[in-house]
Amino acid sequence: MSGPPERTAFDLDGYARRVRDGPCFVCAFLRGDPDYRHHLVHEDDDTVAFLARHPTLLGYCLVAPKRHIESWVHGMARDEFLRFQAVVHAVATAVEATVPTERMYALSLGSQQGNAHLHWHVAPLPPGVPYHRQQFPALMAEHGVLAVDDDDQAALAGRIRARLRMN
């Protein structure tokens, strides 16, 4: 890939229907459902991390426990949460070593109404993004998603996995 991918419009209504009416996207991915395929960057006994299917930033990953839980406050014991956060940190470190990053964002999104399976967003803000397009605007699909090529995403996932093995 030469240069950052262009942004393309995103079907927010279709996405909302899919996450509200469809199966849990993390559980479907773990079952191998081809409609919920993602590029894996990390997997261990308890946790999975993969590139976002509709990224707004290059290298945007999701990190989730394999067990279907919906709240990190009520669904994880403190030691389990800390182990999970160690994976979030490792993935963020590998992503930052792979793509140009000015700031790494990490946050938990989703709700009981859609995308309920606990997952952490790890999103690298590239250098040079104007301030008014940083933070939440950089993450919002309302501003478009990157038109990423599947082969490029697969290669990026491989580079992130390689960095994870180095750490």
Protein backbone atom coordinates (compact mmCIF):
# COMPACT_ATOMS: atom_id res chain seq x y z
CA MET A 1 0.00 0.00 0.00
CA SER A 2 1.36 3.44 -0.87
CA GLY A 3 0.16 6.24 1.40
CA PRO A 4 -2.77 6.11 3.80
CA PRO A 5 -6.03 4.67 2.46
CA GLU A 6 -8.80 7.07 1.53
CA ARG A 7 -11.94 7.35 3.63
CA THR A 8 -15.21 6.07 2.28
CA ALA A 9 -18.80 6.56 3.45
CA PHE A 10 -20.08 4.02 5.94
CA ASP A 11 -23.58 2.54 6.10
CA LEU A 12 -24.37 3.39 9.72
CA ASP A 13 -28.00 2.22 9.50
CA GLY A 14 -26.96 -1.17 8.11
CA TYR A 15 -24.27 -1.47 10.76
CA ALA A 16 -26.76 -0.66 13.54
CA ARG A 17 -29.15 -3.34 12.25
CA ARG A 18 -26.33 -5.90 12.09
CA VAL A 19 -25.09 -5.30 15.65
CA ARG A 20 -28.58 -5.15 17.15
CA ASP A 21 -30.21 -8.02 15.24
CA GLY A 22 -27.26 -10.26 14.45
CA PRO A 23 -25.22 -12.57 16.64
CA CYS A 24 -22.53 -11.37 19.01
CA PHE A 25 -19.73 -10.35 16.64
CA VAL A 26 -16.91 -11.58 18.91
CA CYS A 27 -18.54 -14.94 19.59
CA ALA A 28 -19.36 -15.34 15.87
CA PHE A 29 -15.74 -14.55 14.97
CA LEU A 30 -14.47 -17.09 17.50
CA ARG A 31 -16.86 -19.73 16.09
CA GLY A 32 -15.37 -19.11 12.63
CA ASP A 33 -18.51 -17.61 11.10
CA PRO A 34 -17.35 -16.35 7.67
CA ASP A 35 -19.69 -13.33 7.91
CA TYR A 36 -17.75 -12.19 10.99
CA ARG A 37 -14.21 -12.71 9.75
CA HIS A 38 -11.45 -10.45 11.09
CA HIS A 39 -7.66 -10.40 10.78
CA LEU A 40 -6.26 -11.93 13.96
CA VAL A 41 -3.33 -10.22 15.67
CA HIS A 42 -3.29 -12.10 19.00
CA GLU A 43 -4.90 -15.09 20.63
CA ASP A 44 -4.28 -16.85 23.92
CA ASP A 45 -6.42 -19.01 26.19
CA ASP A 46 -8.49 -16.06 27.45
CA THR A 47 -8.17 -13.20 24.98
CA VAL A 48 -8.39 -12.42 21.27
CA ALA A 49 -7.29 -9.31 19.38
CA PHE A 50 -8.02 -8.48 15.75
CA LEU A 51 -8.07 -5.63 13.30
CA ALA A 52 -11.31 -3.69 13.15
CA ARG A 53 -13.40 -4.63 10.14
CA HIS A 54 -14.34 -1.00 9.46
CA PRO A 55 -11.35 0.97 10.75
CA THR A 56 -11.27 4.73 11.01
CA LEU A 57 -7.52 4.62 11.70
CA LEU A 58 -4.89 2.32 10.21
CA GLY A 59 -4.01 -0.40 12.72
CA TYR A 60 -7.24 -0.02 14.70
CA CYS A 61 -7.63 -3.20 16.76
CA LEU A 62 -10.24 -4.68 19.05
CA VAL A 63 -9.20 -6.72 22.09
CA ALA A 64 -11.81 -8.94 23.75
CA PRO A 65 -12.04 -11.71 26.30
CA LYS A 66 -13.00 -15.00 24.67
CA ARG A 67 -15.60 -15.58 27.35
CA HIS A 68 -18.80 -13.68 26.57
CA ILE A 69 -19.00 -11.03 29.25
CA GLU A 70 -20.60 -7.64 28.91
CA SER A 71 -19.08 -5.59 31.73
CA TRP A 72 -15.49 -5.29 32.80
CA VAL A 73 -16.68 -3.79 36.09
CA HIS A 74 -19.07 -6.62 37.03
CA GLY A 75 -17.98 -9.45 34.74
CA MET A 76 -14.28 -9.67 35.58
CA ALA A 77 -12.48 -10.15 38.83
CA ARG A 78 -9.73 -7.61 39.40
CA ASP A 79 -6.90 -10.04 38.61
CA GLU A 80 -8.66 -11.15 35.42
CA PHE A 81 -9.15 -7.50 34.39
CA LEU A 82 -5.48 -6.72 35.03
CA ARG A 83 -4.39 -9.71 32.90
CA PHE A 84 -6.75 -8.52 30.17
CA GLN A 85 -5.33 -5.01 30.35
CA ALA A 86 -1.82 -6.43 30.02
CA VAL A 87 -2.91 -7.83 26.64
CA VAL A 88 -4.46 -4.47 25.68
CA HIS A 89 -1.12 -2.84 26.53
CA ALA A 90 0.88 -5.43 24.57
CA VAL A 91 -1.35 -5.02 21.50
CA ALA A 92 -1.13 -1.22 21.73
CA THR A 93 2.66 -1.41 22.00
CA ALA A 94 2.84 -3.68 18.95
CA VAL A 95 0.49 -1.48 16.93
CA GLU A 96 2.47 1.64 17.84
CA ALA A 97 5.67 -0.09 16.70
CA THR A 98 4.00 -1.02 13.40
CA VAL A 99 2.19 2.12 12.21
CA PRO A 100 3.12 5.80 12.69
CA THR A 101 1.42 6.90 15.90
CA GLU A 102 1.20 10.26 17.62
CA ARG A 103 -1.16 9.06 20.35
CA MET A 104 -2.67 5.67 21.19
CA TYR A 105 -6.33 5.64 22.12
CA ALA A 106 -7.73 2.80 24.24
CA LEU A 107 -11.32 2.62 25.39
CA SER A 108 -14.22 0.28 25.91
CA LEU A 109 -17.29 0.88 23.77
CA GLY A 110 -20.50 -1.06 23.08
CA SER A 111 -23.72 -1.33 25.05
CA GLN A 112 -26.48 -3.72 26.00
CA GLN A 113 -28.25 -2.61 22.80
CA GLY A 114 -25.46 -3.66 20.44
CA ASN A 115 -21.90 -4.97 20.48
CA ALA A 116 -22.52 -6.08 24.06
CA HIS A 117 -19.52 -8.45 24.23
CA LEU A 118 -16.83 -6.60 26.16
CA HIS A 119 -14.10 -5.32 23.87
CA TRP A 120 -11.44 -2.67 24.08
CA HIS A 121 -10.66 -0.39 21.14
CA VAL A 122 -6.95 0.21 20.51
CA ALA A 123 -6.67 2.96 17.92
CA PRO A 124 -3.46 4.69 16.81
CA LEU A 125 -3.82 8.36 15.88
CA PRO A 126 -1.30 9.06 13.11
CA PRO A 127 0.95 12.12 13.29
CA GLY A 128 -0.26 15.31 11.67
CA VAL A 129 -4.01 14.91 12.13
CA PRO A 130 -5.48 18.39 12.76
CA TYR A 131 -6.66 18.78 16.34
CA HIS A 132 -10.33 19.16 15.38
CA ARG A 133 -10.16 15.69 13.74
CA GLN A 134 -8.50 13.98 16.71
CA GLN A 135 -10.00 12.15 19.67
CA PHE A 136 -13.66 11.14 19.15
CA PRO A 137 -13.89 12.55 15.60
CA ALA A 138 -10.96 10.29 14.61
CA LEU A 139 -12.84 7.25 15.90
CA MET A 140 -16.31 7.99 14.55
CA ALA A 141 -17.45 6.07 11.48
CA GLU A 142 -19.81 8.97 10.76
CA HIS A 143 -16.74 10.66 9.27
CA GLY A 144 -16.13 7.65 7.03
CA VAL A 145 -14.02 4.53 7.36
CA LEU A 146 -10.76 3.67 5.67
CA ALA A 147 -11.10 1.94 2.31
CA VAL A 148 -8.70 -0.84 3.26
CA ASP A 149 -7.74 -3.67 0.97
CA ASP A 150 -8.13 -7.13 2.53
CA ASP A 151 -4.62 -8.18 1.46
CA ASP A 152 -3.14 -5.03 3.01
CA GLN A 153 -5.06 -5.68 6.22
CA ALA A 154 -3.80 -9.27 6.31
CA ALA A 155 -0.23 -8.05 5.87
CA LEU A 156 -0.71 -5.40 8.57
CA ALA A 157 -2.07 -8.04 10.97
CA GLY A 158 1.00 -10.15 10.25
CA ARG A 159 3.35 -7.24 11.05
CA ILE A 160 1.51 -6.56 14.32
CA ARG A 161 1.67 -10.27 15.26
CA ALA A 162 5.41 -10.24 14.56
CA ARG A 163 5.85 -7.24 16.88
CA LEU A 164 3.83 -8.99 19.59
CA ARG A 165 6.16 -11.98 19.38
CA MET A 166 9.16 -9.64 19.80
CA ASN A 167 7.81 -8.16 23.06
